[in-house]
Amino acid sequence: MEKAKSPSSRYASGVVFALGEQPVFAVGDRVRIGTRSPIGHYRVPTYLRGKTGVVTAIITPVAVDNEEEGFGHDAGMKRHYYRLALIMSEVWSHYSFSSRDSLHVEVFENWLERVV
């Protein structure tokens, strides 16, 4: 897969972004979903935590952290959701069907870390 251009390359030069408005990741980036275990309801399924995948889309517009907002914290800061593709054998170690099968999920930016 060819690496996509930097997210900022699609904007006119001289544009000044507010914190969180510019995506941290680009389509094609390999990312790992965080392994946090916060108390309460969070929108990242437990079985996906710690798994790696590839960013297939940047969801726009930016959004507030709905997990924090759900607990009554005015998160305020806006960030991106990313659509990820995870190979099924990454999700389920004993998966024995096509190696091209994948699971697609949208995850908020604060759950993701870059895989180098």
N, C-alpha and C. Protein backbone atom coordinates (compact mmCIF):
# COMPACT_ATOMS: atom_id res chain seq x y z
N MET A 1 0.85 -1.17 0.00
CA MET A 1 0.00 0.00 0.00
C MET A 1 0.91 1.24 0.00
N GLU A 2 0.63 2.17 -0.88
CA GLU A 2 1.41 3.39 -0.96
C GLU A 2 1.02 4.32 0.17
N LYS A 3 2.02 4.94 0.78
CA LYS A 3 1.80 5.85 1.90
C LYS A 3 1.11 7.12 1.41
N ALA A 4 0.06 7.53 2.09
CA ALA A 4 -0.68 8.73 1.73
C ALA A 4 0.12 9.97 2.12
N LYS A 5 -0.21 11.08 1.50
CA LYS A 5 0.43 12.34 1.85
C LYS A 5 0.07 12.73 3.27
N SER A 6 0.88 13.59 3.84
CA SER A 6 0.62 14.12 5.17
C SER A 6 -0.77 14.75 5.20
N PRO A 7 -1.51 14.60 6.31
CA PRO A 7 -2.85 15.19 6.38
C PRO A 7 -2.85 16.69 6.10
N SER A 8 -1.77 17.38 6.49
CA SER A 8 -1.73 18.83 6.32
C SER A 8 -1.50 19.23 4.87
N SER A 9 -1.05 18.31 4.01
CA SER A 9 -0.74 18.67 2.63
C SER A 9 -1.98 18.98 1.80
N ARG A 10 -3.15 18.66 2.29
CA ARG A 10 -4.36 18.92 1.51
C ARG A 10 -4.95 20.30 1.82
N TYR A 11 -4.35 21.07 2.70
CA TYR A 11 -4.83 22.39 3.06
C TYR A 11 -3.96 23.46 2.42
N ALA A 12 -4.53 24.64 2.20
CA ALA A 12 -3.78 25.76 1.64
C ALA A 12 -2.68 26.18 2.61
N SER A 13 -1.55 26.62 2.05
CA SER A 13 -0.46 27.07 2.92
C SER A 13 -0.92 28.31 3.68
N GLY A 14 -0.40 28.48 4.87
CA GLY A 14 -0.76 29.62 5.69
C GLY A 14 -1.95 29.38 6.59
N VAL A 15 -2.60 28.22 6.48
CA VAL A 15 -3.73 27.89 7.35
C VAL A 15 -3.19 27.61 8.74
N VAL A 16 -3.79 28.22 9.75
CA VAL A 16 -3.38 27.99 11.13
C VAL A 16 -4.49 27.17 11.80
N PHE A 17 -4.09 26.01 12.34
CA PHE A 17 -5.06 25.10 12.93
C PHE A 17 -5.17 25.31 14.42
N ALA A 18 -6.38 25.16 14.96
CA ALA A 18 -6.55 25.12 16.41
C ALA A 18 -6.06 23.75 16.88
N LEU A 19 -5.68 23.66 18.14
CA LEU A 19 -5.20 22.40 18.69
C LEU A 19 -6.22 21.30 18.46
N GLY A 20 -5.80 20.20 17.86
CA GLY A 20 -6.67 19.07 17.62
C GLY A 20 -7.37 19.07 16.28
N GLU A 21 -7.36 20.20 15.55
CA GLU A 21 -8.07 20.24 14.27
C GLU A 21 -7.33 19.52 13.16
N GLN A 22 -6.03 19.43 13.25
CA GLN A 22 -5.25 18.75 12.22
C GLN A 22 -5.06 17.30 12.65
N PRO A 23 -5.35 16.35 11.77
CA PRO A 23 -5.20 14.93 12.14
C PRO A 23 -3.77 14.59 12.52
N VAL A 24 -3.62 13.74 13.51
CA VAL A 24 -2.31 13.26 13.94
C VAL A 24 -1.83 12.15 13.01
N PHE A 25 -2.77 11.36 12.49
CA PHE A 25 -2.45 10.21 11.65
C PHE A 25 -2.96 10.44 10.24
N ALA A 26 -2.35 9.74 9.28
CA ALA A 26 -2.75 9.82 7.88
C ALA A 26 -3.23 8.45 7.42
N VAL A 27 -3.99 8.43 6.33
CA VAL A 27 -4.40 7.17 5.74
C VAL A 27 -3.14 6.38 5.39
N GLY A 28 -3.13 5.11 5.78
CA GLY A 28 -1.97 4.25 5.53
C GLY A 28 -1.07 4.08 6.74
N ASP A 29 -1.23 4.95 7.76
CA ASP A 29 -0.41 4.82 8.98
C ASP A 29 -0.79 3.56 9.75
N ARG A 30 0.22 2.87 10.29
CA ARG A 30 -0.03 1.73 11.19
C ARG A 30 -0.16 2.27 12.60
N VAL A 31 -1.20 1.85 13.29
CA VAL A 31 -1.47 2.32 14.64
C VAL A 31 -1.81 1.15 15.56
N ARG A 32 -1.63 1.37 16.85
CA ARG A 32 -2.02 0.39 17.86
C ARG A 32 -3.08 1.05 18.73
N ILE A 33 -4.11 0.29 19.05
CA ILE A 33 -5.17 0.77 19.94
C ILE A 33 -4.67 0.62 21.37
N GLY A 34 -4.85 1.65 22.17
CA GLY A 34 -4.37 1.66 23.55
C GLY A 34 -4.92 0.50 24.39
N THR A 35 -4.21 0.19 25.46
CA THR A 35 -4.60 -0.93 26.33
C THR A 35 -5.14 -0.46 27.67
N ARG A 36 -5.53 0.80 27.75
CA ARG A 36 -6.09 1.31 29.00
C ARG A 36 -7.29 0.51 29.43
N SER A 37 -7.54 0.51 30.72
CA SER A 37 -8.74 -0.14 31.27
C SER A 37 -9.44 0.82 32.22
N PRO A 38 -9.96 1.91 31.66
CA PRO A 38 -10.63 2.88 32.53
C PRO A 38 -11.92 2.31 33.11
N ILE A 39 -12.32 2.87 34.22
CA ILE A 39 -13.58 2.46 34.86
C ILE A 39 -14.72 3.12 34.10
N GLY A 40 -15.80 2.39 33.91
CA GLY A 40 -16.97 2.93 33.25
C GLY A 40 -17.09 2.42 31.83
N HIS A 41 -17.98 3.03 31.08
CA HIS A 41 -18.25 2.62 29.69
C HIS A 41 -17.37 3.42 28.75
N TYR A 42 -16.58 2.73 27.97
CA TYR A 42 -15.75 3.38 26.96
C TYR A 42 -16.02 2.73 25.63
N ARG A 43 -15.82 3.47 24.55
CA ARG A 43 -16.28 3.06 23.24
C ARG A 43 -15.28 2.25 22.43
N VAL A 44 -14.25 1.73 23.07
CA VAL A 44 -13.31 0.84 22.39
C VAL A 44 -13.49 -0.55 22.99
N PRO A 45 -13.94 -1.51 22.19
CA PRO A 45 -14.15 -2.85 22.73
C PRO A 45 -12.88 -3.43 23.35
N THR A 46 -13.03 -4.11 24.46
CA THR A 46 -11.90 -4.68 25.17
C THR A 46 -11.07 -5.59 24.27
N TYR A 47 -11.72 -6.39 23.43
CA TYR A 47 -10.99 -7.35 22.60
C TYR A 47 -10.13 -6.68 21.52
N LEU A 48 -10.31 -5.37 21.28
CA LEU A 48 -9.50 -4.65 20.30
C LEU A 48 -8.33 -3.91 20.93
N ARG A 49 -8.33 -3.77 22.23
CA ARG A 49 -7.26 -3.01 22.90
C ARG A 49 -5.93 -3.75 22.74
N GLY A 50 -4.90 -3.00 22.34
CA GLY A 50 -3.57 -3.56 22.12
C GLY A 50 -3.37 -4.12 20.72
N LYS A 51 -4.39 -4.12 19.89
CA LYS A 51 -4.30 -4.65 18.53
C LYS A 51 -3.81 -3.57 17.57
N THR A 52 -3.16 -3.99 16.49
CA THR A 52 -2.67 -3.04 15.50
C THR A 52 -3.50 -3.11 14.22
N GLY A 53 -3.55 -1.99 13.54
CA GLY A 53 -4.27 -1.91 12.29
C GLY A 53 -3.73 -0.77 11.45
N VAL A 54 -4.42 -0.49 10.36
CA VAL A 54 -4.02 0.55 9.42
C VAL A 54 -5.16 1.56 9.29
N VAL A 55 -4.82 2.84 9.30
CA VAL A 55 -5.81 3.90 9.11
C VAL A 55 -6.28 3.85 7.65
N THR A 56 -7.59 3.70 7.47
CA THR A 56 -8.16 3.68 6.12
C THR A 56 -8.93 4.96 5.80
N ALA A 57 -9.29 5.73 6.83
CA ALA A 57 -10.01 6.98 6.60
C ALA A 57 -9.89 7.87 7.84
N ILE A 58 -9.88 9.16 7.59
CA ILE A 58 -9.93 10.16 8.67
C ILE A 58 -11.35 10.70 8.65
N ILE A 59 -12.04 10.56 9.77
CA ILE A 59 -13.44 10.99 9.85
C ILE A 59 -13.47 12.49 10.14
N THR A 60 -14.21 13.22 9.33
CA THR A 60 -14.35 14.66 9.55
C THR A 60 -15.83 14.99 9.64
N PRO A 61 -16.19 16.05 10.31
CA PRO A 61 -15.32 17.02 10.98
C PRO A 61 -14.80 16.48 12.31
N VAL A 62 -13.93 17.25 12.94
CA VAL A 62 -13.42 16.86 14.26
C VAL A 62 -14.58 16.80 15.25
N ALA A 63 -14.37 16.08 16.35
CA ALA A 63 -15.45 15.90 17.34
C ALA A 63 -14.88 15.98 18.75
N VAL A 64 -15.75 16.27 19.71
CA VAL A 64 -15.30 16.25 21.11
C VAL A 64 -15.15 14.79 21.55
N ASP A 65 -14.39 14.59 22.59
CA ASP A 65 -14.19 13.26 23.16
C ASP A 65 -15.48 12.85 23.85
N ASN A 66 -16.29 12.03 23.17
CA ASN A 66 -17.61 11.70 23.71
C ASN A 66 -17.54 10.82 24.95
N GLU A 67 -16.42 10.13 25.17
CA GLU A 67 -16.29 9.36 26.40
C GLU A 67 -16.21 10.29 27.60
N GLU A 68 -15.40 11.34 27.49
CA GLU A 68 -15.29 12.32 28.58
C GLU A 68 -16.59 13.10 28.74
N GLU A 69 -17.19 13.49 27.64
CA GLU A 69 -18.46 14.21 27.69
C GLU A 69 -19.53 13.35 28.36
N GLY A 70 -19.50 12.04 28.11
CA GLY A 70 -20.48 11.12 28.69
C GLY A 70 -20.40 11.04 30.20
N PHE A 71 -19.24 11.38 30.76
CA PHE A 71 -19.05 11.38 32.21
C PHE A 71 -19.22 12.77 32.80
N GLY A 72 -19.72 13.70 31.98
CA GLY A 72 -19.99 15.04 32.47
C GLY A 72 -18.78 15.95 32.47
N HIS A 73 -17.68 15.50 31.89
CA HIS A 73 -16.49 16.36 31.78
C HIS A 73 -16.60 17.11 30.47
N ASP A 74 -16.48 18.42 30.55
CA ASP A 74 -16.53 19.22 29.34
C ASP A 74 -15.17 19.10 28.67
N ALA A 75 -15.02 18.08 27.82
CA ALA A 75 -13.73 17.80 27.20
C ALA A 75 -13.27 18.98 26.37
N GLY A 76 -14.18 19.60 25.65
CA GLY A 76 -13.86 20.80 24.89
C GLY A 76 -12.94 20.56 23.71
N MET A 77 -11.79 19.92 23.91
CA MET A 77 -10.85 19.73 22.83
C MET A 77 -11.44 18.80 21.77
N LYS A 78 -11.32 19.21 20.54
CA LYS A 78 -11.83 18.39 19.44
C LYS A 78 -10.67 17.65 18.78
N ARG A 79 -10.93 16.40 18.42
CA ARG A 79 -9.95 15.56 17.73
C ARG A 79 -10.68 14.73 16.69
N HIS A 80 -9.93 13.88 16.04
CA HIS A 80 -10.50 13.07 14.95
C HIS A 80 -10.82 11.65 15.38
N TYR A 81 -11.78 11.09 14.69
CA TYR A 81 -12.01 9.65 14.68
C TYR A 81 -11.30 9.13 13.44
N TYR A 82 -10.81 7.90 13.53
CA TYR A 82 -10.15 7.26 12.40
C TYR A 82 -10.80 5.92 12.14
N ARG A 83 -11.02 5.59 10.87
CA ARG A 83 -11.49 4.25 10.53
C ARG A 83 -10.24 3.39 10.33
N LEU A 84 -10.20 2.27 11.05
CA LEU A 84 -9.06 1.36 11.01
C LEU A 84 -9.48 0.05 10.39
N ALA A 85 -8.54 -0.60 9.71
CA ALA A 85 -8.73 -1.97 9.23
C ALA A 85 -7.76 -2.83 10.02
N LEU A 86 -8.30 -3.84 10.70
CA LEU A 86 -7.48 -4.79 11.45
C LEU A 86 -7.65 -6.16 10.79
N ILE A 87 -6.54 -6.80 10.45
CA ILE A 87 -6.59 -8.14 9.87
C ILE A 87 -7.20 -9.07 10.91
N MET A 88 -8.10 -9.92 10.48
CA MET A 88 -8.84 -10.78 11.42
C MET A 88 -7.92 -11.64 12.30
N SER A 89 -6.80 -12.11 11.75
CA SER A 89 -5.89 -12.93 12.56
C SER A 89 -5.21 -12.09 13.65
N GLU A 90 -5.17 -10.77 13.49
CA GLU A 90 -4.67 -9.88 14.54
C GLU A 90 -5.69 -9.80 15.67
N VAL A 91 -6.96 -9.79 15.30
CA VAL A 91 -8.03 -9.69 16.29
C VAL A 91 -8.26 -11.03 16.98
N TRP A 92 -8.32 -12.10 16.20
CA TRP A 92 -8.58 -13.44 16.72
C TRP A 92 -7.42 -14.34 16.29
N SER A 93 -6.54 -14.70 17.18
CA SER A 93 -5.31 -15.43 16.83
C SER A 93 -5.57 -16.76 16.13
N HIS A 94 -6.70 -17.39 16.34
CA HIS A 94 -6.98 -18.70 15.73
C HIS A 94 -7.84 -18.58 14.46
N TYR A 95 -7.98 -17.36 13.93
CA TYR A 95 -8.77 -17.15 12.72
C TYR A 95 -8.13 -17.90 11.56
N SER A 96 -8.90 -18.74 10.87
CA SER A 96 -8.30 -19.61 9.85
C SER A 96 -8.90 -19.44 8.45
N PHE A 97 -9.62 -18.37 8.22
CA PHE A 97 -10.18 -18.16 6.89
C PHE A 97 -9.23 -17.28 6.08
N SER A 98 -9.72 -16.54 5.13
CA SER A 98 -8.87 -15.75 4.25
C SER A 98 -8.01 -14.75 5.02
N SER A 99 -6.75 -14.67 4.64
CA SER A 99 -5.83 -13.70 5.28
C SER A 99 -6.16 -12.28 4.86
N ARG A 100 -7.05 -12.12 3.89
CA ARG A 100 -7.46 -10.78 3.45
C ARG A 100 -8.66 -10.26 4.22
N ASP A 101 -9.28 -11.10 5.05
CA ASP A 101 -10.44 -10.67 5.84
C ASP A 101 -10.00 -9.65 6.88
N SER A 102 -10.81 -8.63 7.07
CA SER A 102 -10.46 -7.61 8.06
C SER A 102 -11.70 -7.08 8.76
N LEU A 103 -11.47 -6.49 9.90
CA LEU A 103 -12.50 -5.84 10.69
C LEU A 103 -12.27 -4.34 10.59
N HIS A 104 -13.31 -3.58 10.34
CA HIS A 104 -13.19 -2.12 10.26
C HIS A 104 -13.91 -1.51 11.45
N VAL A 105 -13.24 -0.56 12.10
CA VAL A 105 -13.78 0.06 13.31
C VAL A 105 -13.33 1.51 13.35
N GLU A 106 -14.16 2.36 13.94
CA GLU A 106 -13.79 3.77 14.09
C GLU A 106 -13.40 4.02 15.54
N VAL A 107 -12.23 4.62 15.71
CA VAL A 107 -11.64 4.82 17.04
C VAL A 107 -11.22 6.28 17.18
N PHE A 108 -11.48 6.85 18.36
CA PHE A 108 -11.12 8.23 18.64
C PHE A 108 -9.60 8.36 18.80
N GLU A 109 -9.07 9.48 18.39
CA GLU A 109 -7.62 9.73 18.33
C GLU A 109 -6.87 9.44 19.63
N ASN A 110 -7.48 9.75 20.78
CA ASN A 110 -6.74 9.59 22.04
C ASN A 110 -6.52 8.13 22.42
N TRP A 111 -7.10 7.19 21.69
CA TRP A 111 -6.88 5.75 21.94
C TRP A 111 -5.77 5.19 21.06
N LEU A 112 -5.22 5.98 20.15
CA LEU A 112 -4.29 5.45 19.16
C LEU A 112 -2.85 5.89 19.39
N GLU A 113 -1.93 5.00 19.05
CA GLU A 113 -0.50 5.34 19.07
C GLU A 113 0.12 4.81 17.78
N ARG A 114 1.10 5.53 17.29
CA ARG A 114 1.76 5.19 16.04
C ARG A 114 2.64 3.95 16.23
N VAL A 115 2.62 3.05 15.25
CA VAL A 115 3.49 1.88 15.24
C VAL A 115 4.58 2.16 14.22
N VAL A 116 5.82 2.06 14.68
CA VAL A 116 6.94 2.32 13.77
C VAL A 116 7.63 1.05 13.33
